[in-house]
Amino acid sequence: MTRVDATTATTPTTRVSSIDIIRGAVMVLMAIDHVRVYSGLPAGGPTPGIFFTRWVTHFCAPAFIFLAGTSAYLYGRRHADLPRFLLVRGLWLVLLELTYFRVCWTFNLEFRQYELAGVIWVIGWCMVLMSGLVQLPLRMIAAIGLAIVAGHNLFDAQLQRDLGADLTSNLWRIFYVGFYAGPVRVGPDGPALWVLYSIVPWVGVMASGYVFGGVMTKPVEDRRRQCLVIGGVAVALFLVLRTFNLYGDPNHWSPSGRLPAAFSFLSATKYPASLLFLLMTLGPTVLVLPLLDGARGWLAHALTVFGRVPFFYYALHIPLIHALALVVSRIRTGEVSWWLFTNHPTGNPPPPDGYTWSLPLLYLVWAVAIALLYPACVWFAGVRARTASPWLKFL
């Protein structure tokens, strides 16, 4: 990509191109891990290729949820219905996670056996909570967001507690502990809800992103300077806290542990997302934003297309990747594996013997998926640009 200077301040009606590019890059990277779900390869591993195939996708959820908060701030500058919009869209996303996306992940209708509270679920509930928070003063939202992100690791010891099936335990799973404490069940024979993304600390991330929207509306030079300061401080803080195992992650790293030292150092906890995980991912994201102001070229254009219709892309890419996995299974083994109708991001059950793909095959399927998604996203971006329907903002 090449870059041209942008000399004007952002106005309430101007899109910030760097946000669209980052969001598009996030969507492209996200697809790598979702292809991995159907490849049978582990989420990280002893070899550098497998480890970094997973690690590079760690930037996706933090950046997407953080920038969802930023987009909410920018939306609020143009529309007076921000609280209502966040409430309605949040509940809509939760409903889709438990219905449409549940079917896309598994290609089966056995809802009682398995439900997933994934990234769309947590974005939805964070929007619901943000519909109330956005009515507070901006400084108070900043204090709440930063307090959640920085302080929630004080509860790390609670991650090891045994939880029952009562209401308090289930709420604890939903808000913080997640799937490590087992599924949420309503009654002994009720459906199993596996909470992949717990609400804390992600609501803090979205609230922080909302406040960051104020930075993105400043004149370009001020915006660049503040992004460099915020991103640089976050990266420096990660390096200091992680190097000396001071605070911010329930799992300390060790230069002589089970994993190679570099892998151990970078293996910050994602579920629930620790302070160090968020510093490691959001710091570089904020640092890159000012470098993308005014970016030009085919890559910038392609990423912008994906970044302008991220939910449409997300809604298509899971069933597409799943369908491609069926095709790959048929070509490689002569049959469509039963495992592809039970698989989901929590990784259970394990793949059958002989099923697991190679890394080159994983990346080939990923490239095919991106190539197929691009024209569809170009078409939908055009529809949104030409159509004033209020319903399209929910897609």
Protein backbone atom coordinates (compact mmCIF):
# COMPACT_ATOMS: atom_id res chain seq x y z
CA MET A 1 0.00 0.00 0.00
CA THR A 2 1.04 3.58 -0.62
CA ARG A 3 -0.12 6.50 1.44
CA VAL A 4 -1.18 10.04 0.61
CA ASP A 5 -1.34 12.81 3.20
CA ALA A 6 -4.71 13.58 4.70
CA THR A 7 -4.84 17.20 5.83
CA THR A 8 -8.39 17.74 6.96
CA ALA A 9 -10.02 16.93 10.26
CA THR A 10 -12.64 14.23 10.46
CA THR A 11 -16.15 15.60 10.27
CA PRO A 12 -19.29 13.94 11.63
CA THR A 13 -20.17 12.67 8.13
CA THR A 14 -16.73 11.45 7.05
CA ARG A 15 -15.70 7.81 7.29
CA VAL A 16 -12.28 7.20 8.79
CA SER A 17 -10.54 5.13 6.13
CA SER A 18 -7.97 3.63 8.51
CA ILE A 19 -10.77 2.09 10.59
CA ASP A 20 -12.26 0.41 7.51
CA ILE A 21 -8.83 -0.95 6.50
CA ILE A 22 -8.06 -2.32 9.98
CA ARG A 23 -11.51 -3.84 10.22
CA GLY A 24 -11.10 -5.43 6.79
CA ALA A 25 -7.71 -6.86 7.77
CA VAL A 26 -9.31 -8.28 10.91
CA MET A 27 -12.00 -10.02 8.88
CA VAL A 28 -9.43 -11.55 6.51
CA LEU A 29 -7.24 -12.79 9.39
CA MET A 30 -10.27 -14.08 11.29
CA ALA A 31 -11.02 -16.46 8.43
CA ILE A 32 -7.66 -18.19 8.97
CA ASP A 33 -8.69 -19.39 12.41
CA HIS A 34 -12.15 -20.39 11.26
CA VAL A 35 -10.66 -22.52 8.48
CA ARG A 36 -8.40 -24.01 11.18
CA VAL A 37 -11.51 -25.03 13.15
CA TYR A 38 -12.46 -27.40 10.31
CA SER A 39 -8.89 -28.45 9.48
CA GLY A 40 -8.41 -30.46 12.66
CA LEU A 41 -5.20 -28.57 13.49
CA PRO A 42 -4.84 -27.54 17.15
CA ALA A 43 -5.31 -23.99 18.42
CA GLY A 44 -1.59 -23.28 18.65
CA GLY A 45 1.05 -25.94 18.98
CA PRO A 46 4.69 -26.88 19.28
CA THR A 47 5.71 -25.87 15.74
CA PRO A 48 6.13 -22.21 14.74
CA GLY A 49 3.75 -22.58 11.78
CA ILE A 50 0.85 -23.89 13.84
CA PHE A 51 1.56 -21.53 16.74
CA PHE A 52 1.61 -18.35 14.65
CA THR A 53 -1.35 -19.49 12.53
CA ARG A 54 -3.35 -19.22 15.73
CA TRP A 55 -1.47 -16.31 17.35
CA VAL A 56 -1.89 -13.88 14.45
CA THR A 57 -5.68 -14.26 14.70
CA HIS A 58 -5.58 -13.12 18.35
CA PHE A 59 -5.68 -9.55 17.04
CA CYS A 60 -9.12 -10.07 15.52
CA ALA A 61 -11.60 -10.12 18.41
CA PRO A 62 -9.95 -7.28 20.40
CA ALA A 63 -9.66 -5.03 17.34
CA PHE A 64 -13.16 -5.79 16.11
CA ILE A 65 -14.86 -5.22 19.48
CA PHE A 66 -12.74 -2.13 20.24
CA LEU A 67 -13.57 -0.61 16.84
CA ALA A 68 -17.23 -1.55 17.27
CA GLY A 69 -17.16 0.85 20.21
CA THR A 70 -15.43 3.47 18.06
CA SER A 71 -18.02 3.03 15.31
CA ALA A 72 -20.78 3.48 17.90
CA TYR A 73 -19.23 6.80 18.91
CA LEU A 74 -19.05 7.95 15.27
CA TYR A 75 -22.64 6.77 14.68
CA GLY A 76 -23.78 8.80 17.68
CA ARG A 77 -22.30 11.95 16.16
CA ARG A 78 -24.58 11.56 13.14
CA HIS A 79 -27.72 10.09 14.72
CA ALA A 80 -29.75 10.84 17.84
CA ASP A 81 -30.97 7.26 18.33
CA LEU A 82 -27.67 5.69 19.46
CA PRO A 83 -28.96 4.05 22.71
CA ARG A 84 -31.93 2.52 20.92
CA PHE A 85 -29.79 1.42 17.97
CA LEU A 86 -27.28 -0.33 20.27
CA LEU A 87 -30.05 -2.04 22.24
CA VAL A 88 -31.93 -3.34 19.19
CA ARG A 89 -28.83 -4.37 17.26
CA GLY A 90 -27.33 -6.03 20.32
CA LEU A 91 -30.39 -8.21 20.91
CA TRP A 92 -30.54 -8.98 17.17
CA LEU A 93 -26.92 -10.21 17.23
CA VAL A 94 -27.54 -12.43 20.27
CA LEU A 95 -30.54 -13.99 18.51
CA LEU A 96 -28.52 -14.64 15.36
CA GLU A 97 -25.68 -16.21 17.35
CA LEU A 98 -28.04 -18.73 18.92
CA THR A 99 -29.86 -19.57 15.67
CA TYR A 100 -28.28 -18.75 12.31
CA PHE A 101 -24.62 -18.92 13.35
CA ARG A 102 -25.20 -22.02 15.47
CA VAL A 103 -26.44 -23.83 12.34
CA CYS A 104 -23.60 -22.42 10.22
CA TRP A 105 -20.95 -23.77 12.59
CA THR A 106 -22.36 -27.29 12.86
CA PHE A 107 -24.75 -27.86 9.92
CA ASN A 108 -27.10 -29.61 12.29
CA LEU A 109 -30.26 -28.66 14.22
CA GLU A 110 -29.55 -30.39 17.53
CA PHE A 111 -29.87 -27.19 19.55
CA ARG A 112 -30.43 -28.94 22.89
CA GLN A 113 -27.09 -30.69 22.58
CA TYR A 114 -25.01 -27.62 21.89
CA GLU A 115 -25.25 -23.82 21.75
CA LEU A 116 -22.28 -21.46 21.36
CA ALA A 117 -21.92 -18.03 22.95
CA GLY A 118 -19.26 -16.79 20.54
CA VAL A 119 -17.96 -13.43 19.44
CA ILE A 120 -21.29 -12.29 17.94
CA TRP A 121 -22.99 -13.15 21.24
CA VAL A 122 -20.57 -11.05 23.27
CA ILE A 123 -20.70 -8.13 20.83
CA GLY A 124 -24.48 -8.23 21.14
CA TRP A 125 -24.56 -8.18 24.94
CA CYS A 126 -21.84 -5.53 25.06
CA MET A 127 -23.98 -3.35 22.78
CA VAL A 128 -26.96 -3.88 25.08
CA LEU A 129 -24.87 -2.72 28.05
CA MET A 130 -23.38 0.13 26.04
CA SER A 131 -26.90 1.38 25.26
CA GLY A 132 -27.00 2.45 28.89
CA LEU A 133 -23.36 3.47 29.26
CA VAL A 134 -23.42 5.89 26.31
CA GLN A 135 -25.84 8.09 28.25
CA LEU A 136 -23.11 8.77 30.84
CA PRO A 137 -20.44 11.48 30.53
CA LEU A 138 -17.53 10.44 28.31
CA ARG A 139 -15.03 10.59 31.17
CA MET A 140 -17.16 8.26 33.25
CA ILE A 141 -17.39 5.79 30.34
CA ALA A 142 -13.59 5.97 30.03
CA ALA A 143 -13.14 5.28 33.75
CA ILE A 144 -15.53 2.30 33.66
CA GLY A 145 -13.98 0.82 30.53
CA LEU A 146 -10.39 1.13 31.71
CA ALA A 147 -11.25 -0.13 35.19
CA ILE A 148 -12.80 -3.30 33.72
CA VAL A 149 -9.92 -3.93 31.31
CA ALA A 150 -7.17 -3.23 33.82
CA GLY A 151 -8.77 -4.56 36.97
CA HIS A 152 -10.61 -7.75 36.10
CA ASN A 153 -7.48 -9.90 36.54
CA LEU A 154 -7.81 -9.29 40.28
CA PHE A 155 -10.39 -12.10 40.05
CA ASP A 156 -7.99 -14.60 38.48
CA ALA A 157 -8.17 -16.87 41.53
CA GLN A 158 -11.90 -17.28 40.90
CA LEU A 159 -11.21 -19.03 37.60
CA GLN A 160 -10.28 -22.18 39.53
CA ARG A 161 -13.41 -22.40 41.66
CA ASP A 162 -15.88 -25.23 41.15
CA LEU A 163 -19.26 -24.08 39.89
CA GLY A 164 -22.60 -25.77 40.17
CA ALA A 165 -25.73 -25.46 38.03
CA ASP A 166 -27.46 -22.77 40.09
CA LEU A 167 -28.32 -19.30 38.79
CA THR A 168 -25.32 -17.61 40.42
CA SER A 169 -22.87 -20.12 38.92
CA ASN A 170 -24.40 -19.79 35.47
CA LEU A 171 -24.23 -16.00 35.62
CA TRP A 172 -20.59 -16.28 36.69
CA ARG A 173 -19.89 -18.43 33.62
CA ILE A 174 -21.65 -15.93 31.33
CA PHE A 175 -20.00 -12.84 32.77
CA TYR A 176 -16.48 -14.05 33.45
CA VAL A 177 -15.37 -17.67 33.74
CA GLY A 178 -16.68 -18.95 30.42
CA PHE A 179 -16.49 -22.51 29.11
CA TYR A 180 -13.66 -23.63 31.42
CA ALA A 181 -16.27 -24.17 34.13
CA GLY A 182 -18.52 -26.23 31.85
CA PRO A 183 -21.67 -25.21 29.98
CA VAL A 184 -24.55 -23.10 31.20
CA ARG A 185 -27.61 -25.32 31.66
CA VAL A 186 -31.19 -24.56 32.61
CA GLY A 187 -32.03 -27.68 34.58
CA PRO A 188 -30.14 -31.01 34.49
CA ASP A 189 -31.45 -31.91 31.02
CA GLY A 190 -31.54 -28.42 29.54
CA PRO A 191 -29.59 -27.31 26.47
CA ALA A 192 -25.85 -26.74 26.90
CA LEU A 193 -24.63 -23.19 26.28
CA TRP A 194 -20.85 -23.05 25.94
CA VAL A 195 -19.64 -19.53 26.69
CA LEU A 196 -16.60 -18.96 24.50
CA TYR A 197 -16.57 -15.18 25.01
CA SER A 198 -17.61 -14.04 28.48
CA ILE A 199 -18.95 -10.50 28.83
CA VAL A 200 -16.11 -9.32 31.10
CA PRO A 201 -13.71 -7.92 29.96
CA TRP A 202 -15.15 -7.34 26.48
CA VAL A 203 -17.64 -4.71 27.61
CA GLY A 204 -14.63 -2.81 28.95
CA VAL A 205 -12.95 -3.13 25.55
CA MET A 206 -16.03 -1.79 23.74
CA ALA A 207 -16.40 1.07 26.22
CA SER A 208 -12.72 1.96 25.75
CA GLY A 209 -13.19 1.85 21.98
CA TYR A 210 -16.17 4.17 22.31
CA VAL A 211 -14.05 6.73 24.14
CA PHE A 212 -11.30 6.24 21.55
CA GLY A 213 -13.81 7.50 18.99
CA GLY A 214 -13.12 10.96 20.36
CA VAL A 215 -9.48 10.56 19.31
CA MET A 216 -10.49 9.53 15.79
CA THR A 217 -12.49 12.74 15.29
CA LYS A 218 -9.53 15.01 15.99
CA PRO A 219 -7.46 16.72 13.28
CA VAL A 220 -5.17 14.27 11.54
CA GLU A 221 -1.89 15.30 13.17
CA ASP A 222 -3.42 15.28 16.67
CA ARG A 223 -4.97 11.90 15.94
CA ARG A 224 -1.67 10.44 14.79
CA ARG A 225 0.18 11.74 17.82
CA GLN A 226 -2.37 10.42 20.29
CA CYS A 227 -2.56 7.02 18.58
CA LEU A 228 1.21 6.68 18.75
CA VAL A 229 1.20 7.58 22.45
CA ILE A 230 -1.70 5.28 23.35
CA GLY A 231 -0.42 2.36 21.29
CA GLY A 232 3.18 2.83 22.41
CA VAL A 233 2.25 2.96 26.09
CA ALA A 234 0.12 -0.20 25.71
CA VAL A 235 2.96 -2.14 24.05
CA ALA A 236 5.52 -0.92 26.60
CA LEU A 237 3.22 -1.83 29.47
CA PHE A 238 2.73 -5.32 28.03
CA LEU A 239 6.49 -5.84 27.74
CA VAL A 240 7.16 -4.72 31.31
CA LEU A 241 4.29 -6.61 32.95
CA ARG A 242 4.89 -9.77 30.93
CA THR A 243 8.68 -9.82 31.23
CA PHE A 244 8.57 -9.72 35.02
CA ASN A 245 5.27 -11.59 35.47
CA LEU A 246 3.98 -8.69 37.55
CA TYR A 247 0.25 -8.67 36.83
CA GLY A 248 -2.33 -9.03 34.14
CA ASP A 249 -2.51 -12.72 33.22
CA PRO A 250 -3.36 -15.86 35.23
CA ASN A 251 -0.64 -17.83 33.42
CA HIS A 252 2.96 -16.72 33.87
CA TRP A 253 5.49 -17.29 31.14
CA SER A 254 8.77 -19.11 31.65
CA PRO A 255 11.93 -19.28 29.51
CA SER A 256 12.36 -22.93 30.49
CA GLY A 257 8.81 -24.22 30.48
CA ARG A 258 6.87 -26.65 28.31
CA LEU A 259 6.72 -24.23 25.38
CA PRO A 260 9.66 -22.48 23.69
CA ALA A 261 10.39 -19.19 25.46
CA ALA A 262 9.01 -16.95 22.70
CA PHE A 263 5.79 -18.97 22.48
CA SER A 264 5.37 -18.90 26.24
CA PHE A 265 5.92 -15.13 26.33
CA LEU A 266 3.29 -14.51 23.66
CA SER A 267 0.74 -17.00 25.01
CA ALA A 268 -1.41 -14.54 26.92
CA THR A 269 -4.83 -15.75 28.05
CA LYS A 270 -7.71 -15.13 25.63
CA TYR A 271 -10.59 -16.79 27.54
CA PRO A 272 -11.39 -14.60 29.41
CA ALA A 273 -9.18 -12.02 27.69
CA SER A 274 -6.50 -10.92 30.16
CA LEU A 275 -5.09 -7.42 30.46
CA LEU A 276 -1.86 -8.63 28.86
CA PHE A 277 -3.73 -10.25 25.98
CA LEU A 278 -5.49 -6.94 25.30
CA LEU A 279 -2.33 -4.85 25.62
CA MET A 280 -0.52 -7.24 23.27
CA THR A 281 -3.22 -6.98 20.60
CA LEU A 282 -4.79 -3.53 20.95
CA GLY A 283 -1.49 -1.71 21.39
CA PRO A 284 -0.17 -2.60 17.91
CA THR A 285 -3.64 -2.06 16.43
CA VAL A 286 -3.78 1.53 17.68
CA LEU A 287 -0.17 2.11 16.58
CA VAL A 288 -0.96 1.04 13.02
CA LEU A 289 -4.09 3.19 12.63
CA PRO A 290 -2.33 6.51 11.88
CA LEU A 291 -0.04 4.80 9.39
CA LEU A 292 -3.10 3.86 7.32
CA ASP A 293 -4.57 7.36 7.00
CA GLY A 294 -4.94 8.02 3.29
CA ALA A 295 -3.66 4.57 2.28
CA ARG A 296 -4.07 3.73 -1.41
CA GLY A 297 -3.51 0.72 -3.65
CA TRP A 298 -5.30 -2.53 -4.45
CA LEU A 299 -4.71 -4.06 -1.02
CA ALA A 300 -6.04 -1.00 0.81
CA HIS A 301 -9.06 -0.98 -1.51
CA ALA A 302 -9.80 -4.68 -1.01
CA LEU A 303 -9.51 -4.42 2.78
CA THR A 304 -11.72 -1.34 2.76
CA VAL A 305 -14.42 -3.29 0.93
CA PHE A 306 -14.40 -5.98 3.63
CA GLY A 307 -14.17 -3.36 6.39
CA ARG A 308 -17.25 -1.50 5.22
CA VAL A 309 -19.48 -4.60 5.35
CA PRO A 310 -17.94 -6.61 8.22
CA PHE A 311 -21.13 -8.24 9.48
CA PHE A 312 -22.23 -9.26 5.98
CA TYR A 313 -18.77 -10.78 5.48
CA TYR A 314 -18.95 -12.59 8.83
CA ALA A 315 -22.43 -13.96 8.10
CA LEU A 316 -21.22 -15.43 4.81
CA HIS A 317 -17.74 -16.65 5.68
CA ILE A 318 -18.66 -19.29 8.27
CA PRO A 319 -21.08 -21.30 6.09
CA LEU A 320 -18.77 -20.83 3.10
CA ILE A 321 -15.72 -22.15 4.96
CA HIS A 322 -17.79 -24.99 6.38
CA ALA A 323 -19.03 -25.92 2.89
CA LEU A 324 -15.47 -25.79 1.51
CA ALA A 325 -14.43 -28.18 4.30
CA LEU A 326 -17.08 -30.64 3.12
CA VAL A 327 -15.66 -30.45 -0.40
CA VAL A 328 -12.09 -30.96 0.86
CA SER A 329 -13.17 -33.96 2.92
CA ARG A 330 -14.89 -35.52 -0.09
CA ILE A 331 -11.84 -35.01 -2.31
CA ARG A 332 -9.28 -36.24 0.25
CA THR A 333 -11.10 -39.20 1.78
CA GLY A 334 -13.83 -40.06 -0.69
CA GLU A 335 -16.55 -39.16 1.79
CA VAL A 336 -17.83 -36.23 3.82
CA SER A 337 -16.64 -36.77 7.40
CA TRP A 338 -19.29 -37.03 10.12
CA TRP A 339 -17.02 -34.78 12.22
CA LEU A 340 -17.89 -31.78 10.04
CA PHE A 341 -21.46 -31.93 11.34
CA THR A 342 -20.42 -31.82 15.00
CA ASN A 343 -17.48 -29.42 14.85
CA HIS A 344 -17.47 -26.00 16.47
CA PRO A 345 -14.91 -23.50 17.83
CA THR A 346 -14.56 -25.19 21.23
CA GLY A 347 -12.81 -28.05 19.44
CA ASN A 348 -14.92 -31.01 20.61
CA PRO A 349 -14.97 -33.81 19.66
CA PRO A 350 -11.44 -34.36 18.27
CA PRO A 351 -11.13 -35.06 14.54
CA PRO A 352 -11.10 -38.68 13.38
CA ASP A 353 -7.81 -40.40 12.59
CA GLY A 354 -6.30 -39.32 9.30
CA TYR A 355 -8.53 -36.30 8.88
CA THR A 356 -6.19 -33.43 9.90
CA TRP A 357 -5.08 -31.09 7.10
CA SER A 358 -1.61 -29.77 6.38
CA LEU A 359 -0.86 -26.08 6.91
CA PRO A 360 -0.52 -25.40 3.15
CA LEU A 361 -3.98 -26.89 2.58
CA LEU A 362 -5.41 -24.72 5.36
CA TYR A 363 -4.03 -21.57 3.74
CA LEU A 364 -5.17 -22.65 0.28
CA VAL A 365 -8.77 -23.07 1.48
CA TRP A 366 -8.50 -19.72 3.27
CA ALA A 367 -7.35 -17.99 0.06
CA VAL A 368 -10.19 -19.58 -1.92
CA ALA A 369 -12.71 -18.40 0.69
CA ILE A 370 -11.42 -14.82 0.60
CA ALA A 371 -11.50 -14.80 -3.22
CA LEU A 372 -15.12 -15.99 -3.23
CA LEU A 373 -16.20 -13.51 -0.54
CA TYR A 374 -14.73 -10.45 -2.25
CA PRO A 375 -17.25 -10.03 -5.14
CA ALA A 376 -20.16 -10.65 -2.77
CA CYS A 377 -18.89 -7.92 -0.43
CA VAL A 378 -18.33 -5.53 -3.35
CA TRP A 379 -21.95 -6.10 -4.39
CA PHE A 380 -23.36 -5.57 -0.90
CA ALA A 381 -21.23 -2.48 -0.29
CA GLY A 382 -22.75 -1.05 -3.48
CA VAL A 383 -26.26 -1.91 -2.30
CA ARG A 384 -25.67 -0.12 1.00
CA ALA A 385 -24.24 2.92 -0.77
CA ARG A 386 -27.26 3.18 -3.09
CA THR A 387 -30.03 2.27 -0.66
CA ALA A 388 -31.32 4.37 2.22
CA SER A 389 -33.21 1.54 3.95
CA PRO A 390 -32.77 1.72 7.74
CA TRP A 391 -32.78 -2.08 7.92
CA LEU A 392 -29.45 -2.32 6.12
CA LYS A 393 -27.62 -0.80 9.09
CA PHE A 394 -28.39 -4.01 11.00
CA LEU A 395 -26.38 -5.97 8.40
